[in-house]
Amino acid sequence: MSDLQSLDLSEQELTKRLNQETFNHPLTLVSAVSALLGSTAAALFSMSDWFGLMVSIAVAGAVVCTGFVLSRMLFTKHIAIMSIIEQVRQETQLKREQIDDSVRKELAEFQEDKAIFQLNQLKEKFTTFSRVLDLQFDSDEMAHKRYLTTAEQLYFGAVDNLRGYVVLRHSINAINVAHIKTQLNDSELETSLRQALVERLDIYTDAQKQMADVLAFNEQVMTKIDDVTSRLGAIQTREATGEVRLETAMQEIQVLINRAQKYDISN
């Protein structure tokens, strides 16, 4: 999940990102520089005929800079954070859909029916989660955006795991296990050749184990998506206890996202 690295969507982290974007925004930088240059020039050339203009530039820059920062940090904070969350989703969604299609085609090529079934199940479960989320929260609520984006990270992480599964499958495609085992049954086989064949068989076995680990981990992912969907559906009102249980489940999802990175071939 190299381009979706365990995004922290807590209010604290979102506020931190908002602060960074606000202070690095071109309007903030340009107006701040204008205020600084204008005030510096006014101080240096206080007796000049241009003094009034310089002061005006400094004041205007300061007003624009302060006004923009206050607007983003106080008055339109909710809208700005919602925009950040949506930006995160847009940055990753298209690429992940492309990966989904690519993984599906390659799994079909290798006739990896179990992995294909798992990919279909992942998509179905995430779709179900999204529908339940839409029923419980308005799409313009911050909670909706946070929960959806966090669940997307988990879903796309599982798809990335299957991409790693495909790569492992490619890596052992040329190893003929049946032929190797037939050769190893030859009691007159030279020691050096036997050792080479055993090493090749070990490579195949290790890859198969890693592939099995990927599928097993993705089963945990699907269980957690089912769990969160169930908890989400059980919220009948906006009572604090219900949302606390849901928040706890989303934190557990974040742990799974972090664990999923161990299967990411791009790391």
C-alpha atoms as a PDB file:
ATOM      1  CA  MET A   1       0.000   0.000   0.000  1.00  0.00           C
ATOM      2  CA  SER A   2       2.746   2.331  -0.840  1.00  0.00           C
ATOM      3  CA  ASP A   3       0.528   5.249  -1.848  1.00  0.00           C
ATOM      4  CA  LEU A   4      -1.973   4.708   0.899  1.00  0.00           C
ATOM      5  CA  GLN A   5       0.360   4.502   3.835  1.00  0.00           C
ATOM      6  CA  SER A   6      -1.711   4.097   6.949  1.00  0.00           C
ATOM      7  CA  LEU A   7      -3.462   7.443   6.755  1.00  0.00           C
ATOM      8  CA  ASP A   8      -4.416   8.740  10.160  1.00  0.00           C
ATOM      9  CA  LEU A   9      -7.830  10.348   9.902  1.00  0.00           C
ATOM     10  CA  SER A  10      -8.205  11.315  13.533  1.00  0.00           C
ATOM     11  CA  GLU A  11      -9.423  14.863  14.173  1.00  0.00           C
ATOM     12  CA  GLN A  12      -5.992  15.775  15.534  1.00  0.00           C
ATOM     13  CA  GLU A  13      -4.168  14.602  12.411  1.00  0.00           C
ATOM     14  CA  LEU A  14      -6.717  16.176  10.080  1.00  0.00           C
ATOM     15  CA  THR A  15      -6.343  19.487  11.907  1.00  0.00           C
ATOM     16  CA  LYS A  16      -2.574  19.173  11.615  1.00  0.00           C
ATOM     17  CA  ARG A  17      -2.834  18.629   7.877  1.00  0.00           C
ATOM     18  CA  LEU A  18      -5.257  21.545   7.595  1.00  0.00           C
ATOM     19  CA  ASN A  19      -2.744  23.780   9.394  1.00  0.00           C
ATOM     20  CA  GLN A  20       0.032  22.711   7.042  1.00  0.00           C
ATOM     21  CA  GLU A  21      -2.067  23.284   3.925  1.00  0.00           C
ATOM     22  CA  THR A  22      -3.319  26.639   5.211  1.00  0.00           C
ATOM     23  CA  PHE A  23       0.122  28.048   6.047  1.00  0.00           C
ATOM     24  CA  ASN A  24       1.605  26.680   2.808  1.00  0.00           C
ATOM     25  CA  HIS A  25      -1.272  27.969   0.683  1.00  0.00           C
ATOM     26  CA  PRO A  26      -0.151  30.422  -2.049  1.00  0.00           C
ATOM     27  CA  LEU A  27      -2.549  33.090  -0.770  1.00  0.00           C
ATOM     28  CA  THR A  28      -1.091  32.841   2.736  1.00  0.00           C
ATOM     29  CA  LEU A  29       2.480  32.979   1.483  1.00  0.00           C
ATOM     30  CA  VAL A  30       1.964  35.809  -1.010  1.00  0.00           C
ATOM     31  CA  SER A  31       0.004  38.000   1.402  1.00  0.00           C
ATOM     32  CA  ALA A  32       2.456  37.338   4.244  1.00  0.00           C
ATOM     33  CA  VAL A  33       5.433  38.228   2.038  1.00  0.00           C
ATOM     34  CA  SER A  34       3.637  41.360   0.832  1.00  0.00           C
ATOM     35  CA  ALA A  35       2.981  42.434   4.419  1.00  0.00           C
ATOM     36  CA  LEU A  36       6.595  41.761   5.381  1.00  0.00           C
ATOM     37  CA  LEU A  37       8.101  43.570   2.385  1.00  0.00           C
ATOM     38  CA  GLY A  38       5.664  46.462   2.698  1.00  0.00           C
ATOM     39  CA  SER A  39       6.386  46.963   6.397  1.00  0.00           C
ATOM     40  CA  THR A  40      10.135  46.652   5.830  1.00  0.00           C
ATOM     41  CA  ALA A  41      10.062  49.167   2.996  1.00  0.00           C
ATOM     42  CA  ALA A  42       7.903  51.566   5.046  1.00  0.00           C
ATOM     43  CA  ALA A  43      10.373  51.383   7.920  1.00  0.00           C
ATOM     44  CA  LEU A  44      13.369  51.996   5.674  1.00  0.00           C
ATOM     45  CA  PHE A  45      11.818  54.754   3.635  1.00  0.00           C
ATOM     46  CA  SER A  46       9.568  56.455   6.169  1.00  0.00           C
ATOM     47  CA  MET A  47      10.358  59.887   4.714  1.00  0.00           C
ATOM     48  CA  SER A  48       9.637  58.868   1.138  1.00  0.00           C
ATOM     49  CA  ASP A  49       6.616  59.970  -0.866  1.00  0.00           C
ATOM     50  CA  TRP A  50       5.867  56.272  -1.281  1.00  0.00           C
ATOM     51  CA  PHE A  51       5.531  55.743   2.470  1.00  0.00           C
ATOM     52  CA  GLY A  52       1.719  55.737   2.416  1.00  0.00           C
ATOM     53  CA  LEU A  53       1.591  53.204  -0.422  1.00  0.00           C
ATOM     54  CA  MET A  54       4.065  50.934   1.360  1.00  0.00           C
ATOM     55  CA  VAL A  55       2.030  51.053   4.558  1.00  0.00           C
ATOM     56  CA  SER A  56      -1.126  50.280   2.589  1.00  0.00           C
ATOM     57  CA  ILE A  57       0.538  47.258   0.993  1.00  0.00           C
ATOM     58  CA  ALA A  58       1.729  46.016   4.383  1.00  0.00           C
ATOM     59  CA  VAL A  59      -1.690  46.457   5.977  1.00  0.00           C
ATOM     60  CA  ALA A  60      -3.500  44.869   3.040  1.00  0.00           C
ATOM     61  CA  GLY A  61      -1.141  41.883   3.073  1.00  0.00           C
ATOM     62  CA  ALA A  62      -1.548  41.436   6.813  1.00  0.00           C
ATOM     63  CA  VAL A  63      -5.358  41.674   6.604  1.00  0.00           C
ATOM     64  CA  VAL A  64      -5.581  39.182   3.741  1.00  0.00           C
ATOM     65  CA  CYS A  65      -3.178  36.739   5.384  1.00  0.00           C
ATOM     66  CA  THR A  66      -4.863  36.918   8.794  1.00  0.00           C
ATOM     67  CA  GLY A  67      -8.346  36.786   7.313  1.00  0.00           C
ATOM     68  CA  PHE A  68      -7.590  33.748   5.168  1.00  0.00           C
ATOM     69  CA  VAL A  69      -5.943  31.840   8.019  1.00  0.00           C
ATOM     70  CA  LEU A  70      -8.765  32.614  10.460  1.00  0.00           C
ATOM     71  CA  SER A  71     -11.359  31.684   7.884  1.00  0.00           C
ATOM     72  CA  ARG A  72      -9.738  28.286   7.239  1.00  0.00           C
ATOM     73  CA  MET A  73      -8.998  27.562  10.897  1.00  0.00           C
ATOM     74  CA  LEU A  74     -12.275  28.755  12.420  1.00  0.00           C
ATOM     75  CA  PHE A  75     -15.160  29.664  10.150  1.00  0.00           C
ATOM     76  CA  THR A  76     -14.752  27.120   7.336  1.00  0.00           C
ATOM     77  CA  LYS A  77     -12.707  24.497   9.168  1.00  0.00           C
ATOM     78  CA  HIS A  78     -15.311  21.758   8.685  1.00  0.00           C
ATOM     79  CA  ILE A  79     -15.547  22.365   4.942  1.00  0.00           C
ATOM     80  CA  ALA A  80     -11.757  22.477   4.578  1.00  0.00           C
ATOM     81  CA  ILE A  81     -11.259  19.202   6.462  1.00  0.00           C
ATOM     82  CA  MET A  82     -13.997  17.541   4.419  1.00  0.00           C
ATOM     83  CA  SER A  83     -12.157  18.679   1.309  1.00  0.00           C
ATOM     84  CA  ILE A  84      -8.904  17.170   2.600  1.00  0.00           C
ATOM     85  CA  ILE A  85     -10.545  13.811   3.276  1.00  0.00           C
ATOM     86  CA  GLU A  86     -12.164  13.772  -0.163  1.00  0.00           C
ATOM     87  CA  GLN A  87      -8.828  14.687  -1.724  1.00  0.00           C
ATOM     88  CA  VAL A  88      -7.219  11.695  -0.010  1.00  0.00           C
ATOM     89  CA  ARG A  89      -9.905   9.433  -1.471  1.00  0.00           C
ATOM     90  CA  GLN A  90      -9.613  10.862  -4.963  1.00  0.00           C
ATOM     91  CA  GLU A  91      -5.821  10.547  -4.912  1.00  0.00           C
ATOM     92  CA  THR A  92      -6.037   6.782  -4.443  1.00  0.00           C
ATOM     93  CA  GLN A  93      -9.373   5.580  -5.779  1.00  0.00           C
ATOM     94  CA  LEU A  94      -8.637   5.509  -9.513  1.00  0.00           C
ATOM     95  CA  LYS A  95      -5.283   3.781  -9.144  1.00  0.00           C
ATOM     96  CA  ARG A  96      -6.719   1.180  -6.786  1.00  0.00           C
ATOM     97  CA  GLU A  97      -9.556   0.377  -9.183  1.00  0.00           C
ATOM     98  CA  GLN A  98      -6.958  -0.182 -11.893  1.00  0.00           C
ATOM     99  CA  ILE A  99      -5.032  -2.504  -9.578  1.00  0.00           C
ATOM    100  CA  ASP A 100      -8.250  -4.400  -8.827  1.00  0.00           C
ATOM    101  CA  ASP A 101      -8.826  -5.040 -12.544  1.00  0.00           C
ATOM    102  CA  SER A 102      -5.213  -6.047 -13.127  1.00  0.00           C
ATOM    103  CA  VAL A 103      -5.152  -8.445 -10.169  1.00  0.00           C
ATOM    104  CA  ARG A 104      -8.435 -10.030 -11.260  1.00  0.00           C
ATOM    105  CA  LYS A 105      -7.131 -10.717 -14.771  1.00  0.00           C
ATOM    106  CA  GLU A 106      -3.884 -12.267 -13.567  1.00  0.00           C
ATOM    107  CA  LEU A 107      -5.590 -14.431 -10.967  1.00  0.00           C
ATOM    108  CA  ALA A 108      -7.904 -15.703 -13.705  1.00  0.00           C
ATOM    109  CA  GLU A 109      -4.879 -16.441 -15.882  1.00  0.00           C
ATOM    110  CA  PHE A 110      -3.445 -18.686 -13.153  1.00  0.00           C
ATOM    111  CA  GLN A 111      -6.906 -20.114 -12.354  1.00  0.00           C
ATOM    112  CA  GLU A 112      -6.514 -19.089  -8.724  1.00  0.00           C
ATOM    113  CA  ASP A 113     -10.189 -19.585  -7.943  1.00  0.00           C
ATOM    114  CA  LYS A 114      -9.859 -19.201  -4.176  1.00  0.00           C
ATOM    115  CA  ALA A 115      -8.117 -15.831  -4.524  1.00  0.00           C
ATOM    116  CA  ILE A 116     -10.650 -14.662  -7.146  1.00  0.00           C
ATOM    117  CA  PHE A 117     -13.509 -15.622  -4.842  1.00  0.00           C
ATOM    118  CA  GLN A 118     -11.822 -13.685  -2.042  1.00  0.00           C
ATOM    119  CA  LEU A 119     -11.441 -10.614  -4.270  1.00  0.00           C
ATOM    120  CA  ASN A 120     -15.148 -10.766  -5.136  1.00  0.00           C
ATOM    121  CA  GLN A 121     -16.048 -11.175  -1.460  1.00  0.00           C
ATOM    122  CA  LEU A 122     -13.921  -8.182  -0.474  1.00  0.00           C
ATOM    123  CA  LYS A 123     -15.641  -5.976  -3.042  1.00  0.00           C
ATOM    124  CA  GLU A 124     -19.103  -7.182  -1.996  1.00  0.00           C
ATOM    125  CA  LYS A 125     -18.430  -6.615   1.701  1.00  0.00           C
ATOM    126  CA  PHE A 126     -17.030  -3.138   1.140  1.00  0.00           C
ATOM    127  CA  THR A 127     -20.033  -2.241  -1.033  1.00  0.00           C
ATOM    128  CA  THR A 128     -22.356  -3.434   1.741  1.00  0.00           C
ATOM    129  CA  PHE A 129     -20.441  -1.372   4.306  1.00  0.00           C
ATOM    130  CA  SER A 130     -20.732   1.719   2.088  1.00  0.00           C
ATOM    131  CA  ARG A 131     -24.488   1.275   1.726  1.00  0.00           C
ATOM    132  CA  VAL A 132     -25.037   0.892   5.468  1.00  0.00           C
ATOM    133  CA  LEU A 133     -22.804   3.904   6.103  1.00  0.00           C
ATOM    134  CA  ASP A 134     -24.900   5.974   3.692  1.00  0.00           C
ATOM    135  CA  LEU A 135     -28.032   4.984   5.599  1.00  0.00           C
ATOM    136  CA  GLN A 136     -26.605   5.954   8.977  1.00  0.00           C
ATOM    137  CA  PHE A 137     -24.723   9.152   8.122  1.00  0.00           C
ATOM    138  CA  ASP A 138     -25.192  11.970   5.646  1.00  0.00           C
ATOM    139  CA  SER A 139     -22.480  12.055   3.003  1.00  0.00           C
ATOM    140  CA  ASP A 140     -21.472  15.579   3.997  1.00  0.00           C
ATOM    141  CA  GLU A 141     -20.784  14.581   7.618  1.00  0.00           C
ATOM    142  CA  MET A 142     -17.169  14.304   8.695  1.00  0.00           C
ATOM    143  CA  ALA A 143     -17.873  10.959  10.382  1.00  0.00           C
ATOM    144  CA  HIS A 144     -19.091   9.558   7.046  1.00  0.00           C
ATOM    145  CA  LYS A 145     -15.935  10.660   5.245  1.00  0.00           C
ATOM    146  CA  ARG A 146     -13.623   9.360   7.984  1.00  0.00           C
ATOM    147  CA  TYR A 147     -15.270   5.969   8.269  1.00  0.00           C
ATOM    148  CA  LEU A 148     -15.512   5.502   4.504  1.00  0.00           C
ATOM    149  CA  THR A 149     -11.899   6.494   3.873  1.00  0.00           C
ATOM    150  CA  THR A 150     -10.599   4.274   6.678  1.00  0.00           C
ATOM    151  CA  ALA A 151     -12.586   1.278   5.421  1.00  0.00           C
ATOM    152  CA  GLU A 152     -11.339   1.984   1.897  1.00  0.00           C
ATOM    153  CA  GLN A 153      -7.759   1.816   3.135  1.00  0.00           C
ATOM    154  CA  LEU A 154      -8.413  -1.638   4.556  1.00  0.00           C
ATOM    155  CA  TYR A 155     -10.202  -2.832   1.437  1.00  0.00           C
ATOM    156  CA  PHE A 156      -7.558  -1.522  -0.940  1.00  0.00           C
ATOM    157  CA  GLY A 157      -4.841  -2.901   1.323  1.00  0.00           C
ATOM    158  CA  ALA A 158      -6.370  -6.364   0.945  1.00  0.00           C
ATOM    159  CA  VAL A 159      -6.430  -5.900  -2.840  1.00  0.00           C
ATOM    160  CA  ASP A 160      -2.757  -4.927  -2.693  1.00  0.00           C
ATOM    161  CA  ASN A 161      -2.124  -8.139  -0.755  1.00  0.00           C
ATOM    162  CA  LEU A 162      -3.620 -10.086  -3.652  1.00  0.00           C
ATOM    163  CA  ARG A 163      -1.326  -8.199  -6.006  1.00  0.00           C
ATOM    164  CA  GLY A 164       1.544  -9.544  -3.913  1.00  0.00           C
ATOM    165  CA  TYR A 165      -0.088 -12.963  -4.162  1.00  0.00           C
ATOM    166  CA  VAL A 166       0.017 -12.680  -7.967  1.00  0.00           C
ATOM    167  CA  VAL A 167       3.690 -11.727  -7.921  1.00  0.00           C
ATOM    168  CA  LEU A 168       4.491 -14.754  -5.748  1.00  0.00           C
ATOM    169  CA  ARG A 169       2.528 -16.932  -8.153  1.00  0.00           C
ATOM    170  CA  HIS A 170       4.556 -15.565 -11.057  1.00  0.00           C
ATOM    171  CA  SER A 171       7.810 -16.207  -9.174  1.00  0.00           C
ATOM    172  CA  ILE A 172       7.189 -19.968  -8.911  1.00  0.00           C
ATOM    173  CA  ASN A 173       5.400 -20.482 -12.199  1.00  0.00           C
ATOM    174  CA  ALA A 174       8.462 -22.045 -13.848  1.00  0.00           C
ATOM    175  CA  ILE A 175       9.138 -24.492 -11.010  1.00  0.00           C
ATOM    176  CA  ASN A 176       7.925 -27.993 -11.980  1.00  0.00           C
ATOM    177  CA  VAL A 177       7.310 -29.588  -8.594  1.00  0.00           C
ATOM    178  CA  ALA A 178       6.200 -32.963  -9.994  1.00  0.00           C
ATOM    179  CA  HIS A 179       9.377 -33.247 -12.075  1.00  0.00           C
ATOM    180  CA  ILE A 180      11.565 -32.270  -9.114  1.00  0.00           C
ATOM    181  CA  LYS A 181       9.957 -34.894  -6.872  1.00  0.00           C
ATOM    182  CA  THR A 182      10.412 -37.551  -9.559  1.00  0.00           C
ATOM    183  CA  GLN A 183      14.104 -36.729  -9.805  1.00  0.00           C
ATOM    184  CA  LEU A 184      14.535 -36.790  -6.027  1.00  0.00           C
ATOM    185  CA  ASN A 185      13.203 -40.353  -5.982  1.00  0.00           C
ATOM    186  CA  ASP A 186      16.276 -41.425  -7.956  1.00  0.00           C
ATOM    187  CA  SER A 187      18.613 -43.035  -5.410  1.00  0.00           C
ATOM    188  CA  GLU A 188      21.591 -42.577  -7.740  1.00  0.00           C
ATOM    189  CA  LEU A 189      21.150 -38.829  -8.064  1.00  0.00           C
ATOM    190  CA  GLU A 190      24.349 -36.837  -7.584  1.00  0.00           C
ATOM    191  CA  THR A 191      24.611 -34.976  -4.270  1.00  0.00           C
ATOM    192  CA  SER A 192      25.075 -31.539  -5.846  1.00  0.00           C
ATOM    193  CA  LEU A 193      22.056 -32.021  -8.107  1.00  0.00           C
ATOM    194  CA  ARG A 194      19.952 -33.322  -5.248  1.00  0.00           C
ATOM    195  CA  GLN A 195      20.864 -30.274  -3.163  1.00  0.00           C
ATOM    196  CA  ALA A 196      19.916 -27.906  -6.013  1.00  0.00           C
ATOM    197  CA  LEU A 197      16.578 -29.656  -6.474  1.00  0.00           C
ATOM    198  CA  VAL A 198      15.823 -29.520  -2.741  1.00  0.00           C
ATOM    199  CA  GLU A 199      16.612 -25.800  -2.660  1.00  0.00           C
ATOM    200  CA  ARG A 200      14.291 -25.238  -5.620  1.00  0.00           C
ATOM    201  CA  LEU A 201      11.557 -27.177  -3.876  1.00  0.00           C
ATOM    202  CA  ASP A 202      12.083 -25.082  -0.727  1.00  0.00           C
ATOM    203  CA  ILE A 203      11.658 -21.897  -2.772  1.00  0.00           C
ATOM    204  CA  TYR A 204       8.346 -23.214  -4.062  1.00  0.00           C
ATOM    205  CA  THR A 205       7.195 -24.268  -0.588  1.00  0.00           C
ATOM    206  CA  ASP A 206       8.126 -20.901   0.957  1.00  0.00           C
ATOM    207  CA  ALA A 207       6.244 -19.022  -1.749  1.00  0.00           C
ATOM    208  CA  GLN A 208       3.191 -21.222  -1.255  1.00  0.00           C
ATOM    209  CA  LYS A 209       3.294 -20.499   2.477  1.00  0.00           C
ATOM    210  CA  GLN A 210       3.476 -16.751   1.859  1.00  0.00           C
ATOM    211  CA  MET A 211       0.535 -16.999  -0.524  1.00  0.00           C
ATOM    212  CA  ALA A 212      -1.459 -18.879   2.103  1.00  0.00           C
ATOM    213  CA  ASP A 213      -0.553 -16.199   4.665  1.00  0.00           C
ATOM    214  CA  VAL A 214      -1.908 -13.499   2.352  1.00  0.00           C
ATOM    215  CA  LEU A 215      -5.233 -15.299   1.971  1.00  0.00           C
ATOM    216  CA  ALA A 216      -5.442 -15.915   5.714  1.00  0.00           C
ATOM    217  CA  PHE A 217      -4.800 -12.260   6.502  1.00  0.00           C
ATOM    218  CA  ASN A 218      -7.421 -11.149   3.998  1.00  0.00           C
ATOM    219  CA  GLU A 219      -9.915 -13.402   5.762  1.00  0.00           C
ATOM    220  CA  GLN A 220      -9.242 -11.340   8.893  1.00  0.00           C
ATOM    221  CA  VAL A 221      -9.858  -8.197   6.858  1.00  0.00           C
ATOM    222  CA  MET A 222     -13.231  -9.481   5.657  1.00  0.00           C
ATOM    223  CA  THR A 223     -14.211 -10.475   9.181  1.00  0.00           C
ATOM    224  CA  LYS A 224     -13.404  -6.987  10.424  1.00  0.00           C
ATOM    225  CA  ILE A 225     -15.389  -5.343   7.617  1.00  0.00           C
ATOM    226  CA  ASP A 226     -18.352  -7.565   8.536  1.00  0.00           C
ATOM    227  CA  ASP A 227     -17.898  -6.637  12.187  1.00  0.00           C
ATOM    228  CA  VAL A 228     -17.805  -2.907  11.508  1.00  0.00           C
ATOM    229  CA  THR A 229     -20.773  -3.132   9.155  1.00  0.00           C
ATOM    230  CA  SER A 230     -22.736  -4.967  11.836  1.00  0.00           C
ATOM    231  CA  ARG A 231     -21.832  -2.392  14.502  1.00  0.00           C
ATOM    232  CA  LEU A 232     -22.708   0.404  12.112  1.00  0.00           C
ATOM    233  CA  GLY A 233     -26.086  -1.124  11.357  1.00  0.00           C
ATOM    234  CA  ALA A 234     -26.807  -1.582  15.067  1.00  0.00           C
ATOM    235  CA  ILE A 235     -26.650   2.155  15.744  1.00  0.00           C
ATOM    236  CA  GLN A 236     -30.310   3.135  16.003  1.00  0.00           C
ATOM    237  CA  THR A 237     -29.667   6.635  17.285  1.00  0.00           C
ATOM    238  CA  ARG A 238     -26.713   9.006  17.633  1.00  0.00           C
ATOM    239  CA  GLU A 239     -26.211   7.842  21.203  1.00  0.00           C
ATOM    240  CA  ALA A 240     -22.657   8.223  22.472  1.00  0.00           C
ATOM    241  CA  THR A 241     -22.277   4.528  23.378  1.00  0.00           C
ATOM    242  CA  GLY A 242     -23.087   3.383  19.860  1.00  0.00           C
ATOM    243  CA  GLU A 243     -20.644   5.734  18.226  1.00  0.00           C
ATOM    244  CA  VAL A 244     -17.938   4.866  20.743  1.00  0.00           C
ATOM    245  CA  ARG A 245     -18.266   1.184  19.806  1.00  0.00           C
ATOM    246  CA  LEU A 246     -18.030   2.107  16.151  1.00  0.00           C
ATOM    247  CA  GLU A 247     -15.013   4.340  16.768  1.00  0.00           C
ATOM    248  CA  THR A 248     -13.304   1.462  18.583  1.00  0.00           C
ATOM    249  CA  ALA A 249     -13.951  -0.797  15.597  1.00  0.00           C
ATOM    250  CA  MET A 250     -12.447   1.782  13.236  1.00  0.00           C
ATOM    251  CA  GLN A 251      -9.346   1.956  15.431  1.00  0.00           C
ATOM    252  CA  GLU A 252      -9.064  -1.811  15.148  1.00  0.00           C
ATOM    253  CA  ILE A 253      -9.257  -1.413  11.383  1.00  0.00           C
ATOM    254  CA  GLN A 254      -6.329   1.019  11.559  1.00  0.00           C
ATOM    255  CA  VAL A 255      -4.287  -1.705  13.288  1.00  0.00           C
ATOM    256  CA  LEU A 256      -5.107  -4.104  10.453  1.00  0.00           C
ATOM    257  CA  ILE A 257      -4.086  -1.479   7.886  1.00  0.00           C
ATOM    258  CA  ASN A 258      -0.699  -1.177   9.573  1.00  0.00           C
ATOM    259  CA  ARG A 259      -0.296  -4.956   9.618  1.00  0.00           C
ATOM    260  CA  ALA A 260      -1.248  -5.200   5.944  1.00  0.00           C
ATOM    261  CA  GLN A 261       1.898  -3.283   4.993  1.00  0.00           C
ATOM    262  CA  LYS A 262       4.040  -6.358   5.784  1.00  0.00           C
ATOM    263  CA  TYR A 263       2.507  -8.037   2.727  1.00  0.00           C
ATOM    264  CA  ASP A 264       3.054  -5.061   0.446  1.00  0.00           C
ATOM    265  CA  ILE A 265       5.616  -5.959  -2.223  1.00  0.00           C
ATOM    266  CA  SER A 266       6.407  -2.294  -2.844  1.00  0.00           C
ATOM    267  CA  ASN A 267       7.885  -1.857   0.667  1.00  0.00           C
END
